[in-house]
């Protein structure tokens, strides 16, 4: 994924101040962040909804959702179960599942 650092400058009473950099996220990173929050809130349990359903609900493309789901797999929040099968959720509402599960 690509991310860019954008520095924001502001002027207060004629003094130029450099603020913390902003990070521009890709659509897939935004979707992954949203899904991560939903998982941690316990919106879903057991199996993750399919990519087509999520794409439709979020108003984004299926490839964007698939990229987001792959990121959540890399983060250990989801486990792939095979081609055309829904991913198993490996996170509890408070965080990742305990080791050995």
Protein backbone atom coordinates (compact mmCIF):
# COMPACT_ATOMS: atom_id res chain seq x y z
CA UNK A 1 0.00 0.00 0.00
CA UNK A 2 1.11 3.52 -0.62
CA UNK A 3 0.80 6.27 1.88
CA UNK A 4 1.90 9.85 1.57
CA UNK A 5 2.87 12.23 4.30
CA UNK A 6 1.38 15.65 3.83
CA UNK A 7 2.64 18.43 6.04
CA UNK A 8 0.13 21.05 7.05
CA UNK A 9 1.20 24.59 7.80
CA UNK A 10 -1.02 27.06 9.56
CA UNK A 11 -0.63 30.67 10.48
CA UNK A 12 -1.73 31.93 13.86
CA UNK A 13 -1.36 35.67 14.47
CA UNK A 14 1.07 35.88 11.57
CA UNK A 15 3.36 33.13 12.90
CA UNK A 16 3.76 30.09 10.65
CA UNK A 17 3.53 26.82 12.57
CA UNK A 18 4.16 23.35 11.25
CA UNK A 19 1.51 20.92 12.44
CA UNK A 20 1.79 17.14 12.73
CA UNK A 21 1.90 15.41 9.34
CA UNK A 22 -1.33 14.08 7.90
CA UNK A 23 -1.32 10.58 6.47
CA UNK A 24 -3.30 9.98 3.30
CA UNK A 25 -4.74 6.45 3.29
CA UNK A 26 -5.86 4.38 0.33
CA UNK A 27 -9.51 3.35 0.05
CA UNK A 28 -8.56 -0.20 1.12
CA UNK A 29 -6.77 1.15 4.21
CA UNK A 30 -9.85 3.21 5.13
CA UNK A 31 -12.08 0.14 4.70
CA UNK A 32 -9.66 -2.03 6.74
CA UNK A 33 -9.68 0.56 9.52
CA UNK A 34 -13.49 0.67 9.52
CA UNK A 35 -13.79 -3.13 9.51
CA UNK A 36 -11.17 -3.42 12.27
CA UNK A 37 -13.26 -1.10 14.44
CA UNK A 38 -16.43 -3.08 13.71
CA UNK A 39 -14.67 -6.33 14.61
CA UNK A 40 -13.40 -4.88 17.88
CA UNK A 41 -16.92 -3.66 18.71
CA UNK A 42 -18.22 -7.20 18.14
CA UNK A 43 -20.42 -6.36 15.13
CA UNK A 44 -19.75 -9.83 13.71
CA UNK A 45 -18.67 -13.09 15.32
CA UNK A 46 -17.71 -16.47 13.92
CA UNK A 47 -17.50 -15.80 10.19
CA UNK A 48 -16.91 -12.50 8.41
CA UNK A 49 -19.58 -11.43 5.90
CA UNK A 50 -18.61 -11.99 2.27
CA UNK A 51 -16.77 -9.43 0.16
CA UNK A 52 -19.71 -8.72 -2.14
CA UNK A 53 -22.03 -7.98 0.78
CA UNK A 54 -19.46 -5.74 2.47
CA UNK A 55 -18.76 -3.89 -0.79
CA UNK A 56 -22.46 -3.25 -1.27
CA UNK A 57 -22.98 -2.10 2.34
CA UNK A 58 -19.92 0.18 2.31
CA UNK A 59 -20.45 1.54 -1.20
CA UNK A 60 -16.99 0.54 -2.45
CA UNK A 61 -15.68 -1.93 -5.00
CA UNK A 62 -15.24 -5.62 -4.24
CA UNK A 63 -11.48 -5.40 -4.96
CA UNK A 64 -11.17 -2.64 -2.36
CA UNK A 65 -12.92 -4.82 0.22
CA UNK A 66 -10.78 -7.84 -0.70
CA UNK A 67 -7.60 -5.76 -0.23
CA UNK A 68 -8.90 -4.62 3.16
CA UNK A 69 -9.74 -8.19 4.19
CA UNK A 70 -6.25 -9.36 3.17
CA UNK A 71 -4.79 -6.65 5.40
CA UNK A 72 -6.92 -7.86 8.32
CA UNK A 73 -5.64 -11.40 7.63
CA UNK A 74 -2.04 -10.12 7.80
CA UNK A 75 -2.91 -8.40 11.08
CA UNK A 76 -4.16 -11.72 12.49
CA UNK A 77 -7.78 -10.62 12.88
CA UNK A 78 -9.16 -12.95 10.20
CA UNK A 79 -8.23 -16.44 9.00
CA UNK A 80 -8.84 -17.52 5.42
CA UNK A 81 -10.62 -20.87 5.16
CA UNK A 82 -10.18 -21.58 1.46
CA UNK A 83 -11.27 -20.31 -1.92
CA UNK A 84 -14.83 -18.90 -1.97
CA UNK A 85 -15.27 -19.49 1.77
CA UNK A 86 -15.90 -16.80 4.34
CA UNK A 87 -13.07 -15.84 6.66
CA UNK A 88 -13.11 -16.88 10.32
CA UNK A 89 -12.93 -14.02 12.80
CA UNK A 90 -10.00 -14.29 15.21
CA UNK A 91 -10.64 -11.23 17.31
CA UNK A 92 -12.61 -10.67 20.46
CA UNK A 93 -14.36 -7.35 21.03
CA UNK A 94 -11.36 -6.27 23.15
CA UNK A 95 -8.58 -7.40 20.78
CA UNK A 96 -6.99 -10.33 18.92
CA UNK A 97 -7.84 -13.86 19.98
CA UNK A 98 -5.61 -15.51 22.58
CA UNK A 99 -2.71 -17.62 21.28
CA UNK A 100 -3.45 -21.28 20.70
CA UNK A 101 -6.99 -20.80 19.53
